[in-house]
Each structure stands twice: as C-alpha cells, then as structure tokens.
Protein backbone atom coordinates (compact mmCIF):
# COMPACT_ATOMS: atom_id res chain seq x y z
CA UNK A 1 0.00 0.00 0.00
CA UNK A 2 2.77 2.36 0.99
CA UNK A 3 4.65 1.59 -2.18
CA UNK A 4 1.56 2.31 -4.25
CA UNK A 5 1.14 5.71 -2.57
CA UNK A 6 4.78 6.56 -3.18
CA UNK A 7 4.42 5.54 -6.82
CA UNK A 8 1.32 7.69 -7.28
CA UNK A 9 3.04 10.68 -5.69
CA UNK A 10 6.04 10.19 -7.95
CA UNK A 11 3.86 10.00 -11.04
CA UNK A 12 1.94 13.11 -10.05
CA UNK A 13 5.21 14.89 -9.36
CA UNK A 14 6.58 13.94 -12.77
CA UNK A 15 3.40 15.12 -14.49
CA UNK A 16 3.54 18.41 -12.58
CA UNK A 17 7.22 18.89 -13.43
CA UNK A 18 6.46 18.08 -17.06
CA UNK A 19 3.72 20.71 -17.12
CA UNK A 20 6.14 23.26 -15.66
CA UNK A 21 8.69 22.45 -18.35
CA UNK A 22 6.01 22.74 -21.03
CA UNK A 23 4.81 26.09 -19.72
CA UNK A 24 8.36 27.41 -19.55
CA UNK A 25 9.22 26.27 -23.05
CA UNK A 26 6.00 27.40 -24.73
CA UNK A 27 5.14 30.57 -22.80
CA UNK A 28 6.10 33.03 -25.53
CA UNK A 29 3.88 31.24 -28.04
CA UNK A 30 1.03 31.83 -25.57
CA UNK A 31 1.97 35.44 -24.81
CA UNK A 32 2.67 36.69 -28.33
CA UNK A 33 0.51 36.21 -31.41
CA UNK A 34 2.36 37.89 -34.30
CA UNK A 35 0.20 39.33 -37.07
CA UNK A 36 0.97 39.00 -40.79
CA UNK A 37 2.25 41.89 -42.85
CA UNK A 38 -0.38 44.00 -44.55
CA UNK A 39 -0.20 46.87 -47.00
CA UNK A 40 -2.26 50.02 -46.54
CA UNK A 41 -2.45 52.49 -49.42
CA UNK A 42 -1.68 56.16 -48.83
CA UNK A 43 0.02 55.56 -45.47
CA UNK A 44 3.75 56.08 -44.98
CA UNK A 45 5.70 52.90 -44.23
CA UNK A 46 8.96 53.45 -42.37
CA UNK A 47 11.75 50.95 -41.76
CA UNK A 48 13.94 51.29 -38.69
CA UNK A 49 16.93 49.21 -37.63
CA UNK A 50 16.83 48.16 -33.99
CA UNK A 51 19.10 45.70 -32.22
CA UNK A 52 19.79 43.79 -35.41
CA UNK A 53 16.12 43.70 -36.47
CA UNK A 54 14.17 45.81 -38.94
CA UNK A 55 10.94 47.35 -37.68
CA UNK A 56 8.05 48.34 -39.91
CA UNK A 57 6.29 51.44 -38.63
CA UNK A 58 3.22 53.22 -39.97
CA UNK A 59 3.19 57.00 -39.89
CA UNK A 60 0.07 59.13 -40.07
CA UNK A 61 0.58 62.81 -40.81
CA UNK A 62 3.76 64.55 -41.83
CA UNK A 63 7.20 64.15 -40.33
CA UNK A 64 8.13 67.11 -38.18
CA UNK A 65 5.84 69.45 -36.29
CA UNK A 66 5.02 70.17 -32.67
CA UNK A 67 3.21 66.98 -31.67
CA UNK A 68 3.65 63.25 -32.22
CA UNK A 69 2.22 60.04 -30.76
CA UNK A 70 3.85 56.62 -30.59
CA UNK A 71 1.38 53.73 -30.37
CA UNK A 72 2.12 50.23 -29.02
CA UNK A 73 -0.63 47.66 -29.52
CA UNK A 74 -1.82 44.45 -27.92
CA UNK A 75 -0.22 41.02 -28.13
CA UNK A 76 -2.40 39.96 -31.09
CA UNK A 77 -3.18 43.36 -32.56
CA UNK A 78 -2.62 44.48 -36.12
CA UNK A 79 -1.86 48.10 -35.34
CA UNK A 80 -2.79 49.17 -38.87
CA UNK A 81 -6.42 48.57 -37.89
CA UNK A 82 -6.26 51.82 -35.90
CA UNK A 83 -5.35 53.96 -38.90
CA UNK A 84 -8.88 55.14 -39.87
CA UNK A 85 -9.84 56.01 -36.29
CA UNK A 86 -6.54 57.64 -35.36
CA UNK A 87 -6.70 59.87 -38.41
CA UNK A 88 -9.95 61.27 -37.03
CA UNK A 89 -9.01 61.32 -33.36
CA UNK A 90 -5.56 62.92 -33.73
CA UNK A 91 -5.69 65.29 -36.73
CA UNK A 92 -3.06 67.59 -35.18
CA UNK A 93 -0.53 64.83 -34.43
CA UNK A 94 1.85 62.71 -36.40
CA UNK A 95 1.12 59.14 -35.25
CA UNK A 96 3.65 56.31 -35.34
CA UNK A 97 2.13 52.84 -35.07
CA UNK A 98 4.81 50.30 -34.21
CA UNK A 99 4.77 46.72 -35.44
CA UNK A 100 6.64 44.77 -32.76
CA UNK A 101 9.54 42.62 -33.87
CA UNK A 102 7.99 39.56 -35.49
CA UNK A 103 4.73 41.41 -36.18
CA UNK A 104 3.32 42.99 -39.33
CA UNK A 105 6.46 42.96 -41.48
CA UNK A 106 9.01 43.56 -38.71
CA UNK A 107 11.76 40.95 -38.44
CA UNK A 108 12.73 38.92 -35.38
CA UNK A 109 10.89 37.32 -32.49
CA UNK A 110 9.19 39.22 -29.66
CA UNK A 111 10.44 39.31 -26.09
CA UNK A 112 10.22 41.81 -23.26
CA UNK A 113 13.82 42.95 -23.66
CA UNK A 114 13.44 43.17 -27.43
CA UNK A 115 10.25 45.23 -27.28
CA UNK A 116 11.85 47.65 -24.84
CA UNK A 117 14.88 48.10 -27.09
CA UNK A 118 12.61 48.73 -30.06
CA UNK A 119 10.57 51.31 -28.15
CA UNK A 120 13.74 53.21 -27.32
CA UNK A 121 14.90 53.02 -30.93
CA UNK A 122 11.61 54.45 -32.23
CA UNK A 123 11.62 57.28 -29.71
CA UNK A 124 15.25 58.19 -30.38
CA UNK A 125 14.65 58.12 -34.14
CA UNK A 126 11.86 60.70 -34.07
CA UNK A 127 12.80 62.74 -31.00
CA UNK A 128 14.53 65.57 -32.85
CA UNK A 129 11.54 66.12 -35.14
CA UNK A 130 8.91 66.97 -32.51
CA UNK A 131 8.62 69.26 -29.51
CA UNK A 132 6.15 66.94 -27.77
CA UNK A 133 5.95 63.15 -27.99
CA UNK A 134 3.11 61.34 -26.27
CA UNK A 135 2.82 57.57 -25.95
CA UNK A 136 -0.22 55.28 -26.08
CA UNK A 137 -0.04 51.62 -25.09
CA UNK A 138 -2.89 49.14 -25.26
CA UNK A 139 -2.94 45.86 -23.31
CA UNK A 140 0.57 44.41 -23.74
CA UNK A 141 1.55 47.74 -25.23
CA UNK A 142 0.71 49.47 -21.95
CA UNK A 143 3.75 47.76 -20.44
CA UNK A 144 5.98 48.87 -23.32
CA UNK A 145 4.61 52.41 -23.06
CA UNK A 146 5.12 52.47 -19.27
CA UNK A 147 8.72 51.41 -19.67
CA UNK A 148 9.40 54.04 -22.31
CA UNK A 149 7.78 56.76 -20.20
CA UNK A 150 9.98 55.78 -17.26
CA UNK A 151 13.24 56.30 -19.16
CA UNK A 152 12.40 59.07 -21.65
CA UNK A 153 10.94 62.54 -21.29
CA UNK A 154 7.51 62.20 -22.88
CA UNK A 155 4.64 64.67 -22.95
CA UNK A 156 1.66 62.46 -21.98
CA UNK A 157 1.04 58.77 -21.39
CA UNK A 158 -2.14 56.82 -22.20
CA UNK A 159 -2.56 53.26 -20.89
CA UNK A 160 -5.49 51.33 -22.36
CA UNK A 161 -6.75 48.09 -20.74
CA UNK A 162 -3.49 47.92 -18.76
CA UNK A 163 -2.19 45.63 -16.02
CA UNK A 164 0.25 46.06 -13.17
CA UNK A 165 2.41 43.12 -14.31
CA UNK A 166 2.08 40.08 -16.53
CA UNK A 167 3.34 38.06 -13.59
CA UNK A 168 0.29 38.97 -11.53
CA UNK A 169 -2.05 38.29 -14.46
CA UNK A 170 -0.40 34.88 -15.00
CA UNK A 171 -0.64 33.97 -11.33
CA UNK A 172 -4.42 34.32 -11.61
CA UNK A 173 -4.53 32.24 -14.80
CA UNK A 174 -2.16 29.51 -13.56
CA UNK A 175 -2.55 29.46 -9.77
CA UNK A 176 -1.03 26.01 -9.21
CA UNK A 177 2.27 26.76 -10.95
CA UNK A 178 5.33 28.72 -9.69
CA UNK A 179 4.78 31.56 -12.16
CA UNK A 180 7.45 33.80 -10.63
CA UNK A 181 10.09 31.18 -11.34
CA UNK A 182 8.84 30.14 -14.77
CA UNK A 183 7.99 33.47 -16.38
CA UNK A 184 10.59 34.91 -18.77
CA UNK A 185 8.82 38.17 -19.66
CA UNK A 186 7.23 39.74 -16.59
CA UNK A 187 6.38 43.22 -17.93
CA UNK A 188 6.37 44.86 -14.50
CA UNK A 189 4.59 48.11 -15.34
CA UNK A 190 3.91 49.02 -11.74
CA UNK A 191 7.64 48.86 -11.07
CA UNK A 192 8.16 51.74 -13.50
CA UNK A 193 5.54 54.08 -12.03
CA UNK A 194 7.90 55.95 -9.70
CA UNK A 195 10.05 57.00 -12.66
CA UNK A 196 7.17 58.33 -14.78
CA UNK A 197 6.72 62.11 -14.65
CA UNK A 198 4.20 62.66 -17.45
CA UNK A 199 0.44 63.08 -16.93
CA UNK A 200 -1.27 59.71 -17.28
CA UNK A 201 -4.64 58.62 -18.63
CA UNK A 202 -5.71 55.07 -17.72
CA UNK A 203 -8.58 53.75 -19.83
CA UNK A 204 -10.33 50.64 -18.48
CA UNK A 205 -12.88 48.43 -20.22
CA UNK A 206 -15.75 47.87 -17.79
CA UNK A 207 -16.32 44.30 -19.02
CA UNK A 208 -12.69 43.36 -19.70
CA UNK A 209 -12.63 39.57 -19.99
CA UNK A 210 -8.83 39.32 -20.40
CA UNK A 211 -7.27 41.62 -17.81
CA UNK A 212 -8.86 41.33 -14.35
CA UNK A 213 -10.11 44.69 -13.11
CA UNK A 214 -8.01 44.48 -9.97
CA UNK A 215 -4.86 44.35 -12.10
CA UNK A 216 -5.79 47.56 -13.93
CA UNK A 217 -6.81 49.21 -10.67
CA UNK A 218 -3.52 48.22 -9.05
CA UNK A 219 -1.56 50.00 -11.75
CA UNK A 220 -3.78 53.09 -11.78
CA UNK A 221 -3.68 53.27 -8.00
CA UNK A 222 0.11 53.30 -7.96
CA UNK A 223 0.19 56.77 -9.54
CA UNK A 224 -0.32 59.89 -7.41
CA UNK A 225 -3.91 61.11 -7.70
CA UNK A 226 -2.74 64.43 -9.11
CA UNK A 227 -0.92 62.67 -11.96
CA UNK A 228 -3.52 60.21 -13.23
CA UNK A 229 -6.98 60.38 -14.78
CA UNK A 230 -8.96 57.13 -14.78
CA UNK A 231 -11.71 56.55 -17.32
CA UNK A 232 -13.90 53.43 -17.36
CA UNK A 233 -15.70 52.75 -20.64
CA UNK A 234 -19.13 51.26 -19.77
CA UNK A 235 -19.99 48.04 -21.57
CA UNK A 236 -16.62 47.77 -23.28
CA UNK A 237 -14.69 44.52 -23.49
CA UNK A 238 -10.96 44.05 -23.81
CA UNK A 239 -11.08 43.76 -27.59
CA UNK A 240 -14.11 45.97 -28.26
CA UNK A 241 -13.14 49.12 -26.37
CA UNK A 242 -12.06 50.85 -29.58
CA UNK A 243 -15.61 50.61 -30.93
CA UNK A 244 -17.04 52.92 -28.26
CA UNK A 245 -17.31 56.65 -29.04
CA UNK A 246 -16.39 57.54 -25.47
CA UNK A 247 -13.04 55.81 -25.96
CA UNK A 248 -12.20 58.02 -28.91
CA UNK A 249 -13.41 61.09 -27.05
CA UNK A 250 -11.33 60.58 -23.91
CA UNK A 251 -8.19 59.98 -25.96
CA UNK A 252 -8.80 63.08 -28.07
CA UNK A 253 -9.56 65.36 -25.13
CA UNK A 254 -6.66 64.18 -22.98
CA UNK A 255 -4.02 64.47 -25.67
CA UNK A 256 -5.34 67.78 -26.93
CA UNK A 257 -5.90 69.62 -23.67
CA UNK A 258 -4.25 68.04 -20.63
CA UNK A 259 -1.24 70.15 -19.67
CA UNK A 260 2.13 68.76 -18.65
CA UNK A 261 2.60 69.41 -14.94
C-alpha cells in the first residue's frame, strides 16, 4: 500500500514537473501572437533598424511638427487597424504605429527585452523632429509604453486596458504553478511608475474579460492622484473598447488639452 502511494506521488510529481517544463518552453507562443504583414495604401511605411532587427512602422501625418504620438498595440493586434480612427481622433498629431519585432512585417521574435529596445529606438529616431511626444499603449503595449515613459521625457502617457504586471495576471490564470520562477517576460509596469513624470490617462474596459479589473486598478492606484486620470468605458470589453465613441473622445480630449505638470 505504501509503495503504491509513493508511486502515485512520484507520477503526479513527474506530471507536474512536465507541465512546468512545457509552460516554460511554450510561454512566448502563448503570450505573443504575431500578425501577418499587410499593406495600406496612402500611409507612410517606415523601416527602422533596432538591435539587429528591422521594424516596420506606420506614420500618419507629416514628419516634423510640434506633436507626435507613438502607439504600441496588444499582443495579437494588427496596429494598422487603428489607422482610420486615429486619423480622425488625432488630426493635429503625427502618429507612429509600431509593429513589434515579429509582427506585421518587422523581423525577429518578440520578447520583453526586445520590445523595450525597439521602443527606445523608435523614440530616439523621431525625438529631434517633434517638440512633444506622447505615448499610447494598449494591453501588452501598456507595459511597453510604461517602460518608455519611465526612461524618456515624454509629454503624456495613455494606458489602455493595462495591467500592473504580466506576472500577476499569469498567477491568476495559472494558480497552481510557480509563475514567478517560470515566467521569462514579466512586464512589471507598476515597477516603472515611480520613474514616470508625465500626466497619465488610464482607460479601463468595464467588461474586460482578459485583464482582471483588480490588475488595472492596481496599476492606476500606484500613480499619485494628481498625476492620473482614470476613465472606465461602460460596456466595453478588452477587444471591443475601440468601438465605443467615449473611448475616442477621452483619448482626443486628454491628448489635446491636458497640460504637462
């Protein structure tokens, strides 16, 4: 009997260890869903070298001028899908929509370190052309945007459907596994908050089915009240928030009128 119990425990332990190995090995295929390259007529396509990779970036508006926006999308988002709306929302800005490495015609494979390097490369490439550069990050992109805002002097920061860290999100999704030990890309946005000086708009989808509300609230709550504006879009889901007129309105108003403190 005792031997049978020991054998069962050993088998369960091996299965558990195997699951841990599988999660560790396959985690980036679960975290990142690269999109295929598309071609959009009448939109400028830029190519930028970054860390040995070539990034494809869409630009709306003309190069140079007072105001620009850099946009970082979600983990499965084709950022070109924002082009029609962003043309209407930000008529006074040049907008740079970044295809992550491995996404939408950019070379390479995504990782946290790689995405951070690419964000820095994009900012440094356009910095001299604009007096004010604001940054928008959606979902996964909120972590990239938070990092960039913590190391560069940006004008304003918008975080859409954000989280405090991927580690905390993953702990909720995989409660029986040692996520802290297994996770390669932790995207610790809340750890960057203290270094962010720009005014911040946090936009939350009321019915977000991907990012638990407490994770968005934890990030928003880490900013001083005088620095952050929090907007909840009623009825919006994680992937449908862009369809709501209030979403477009809060982005437009914040980026057009909110002064740098």
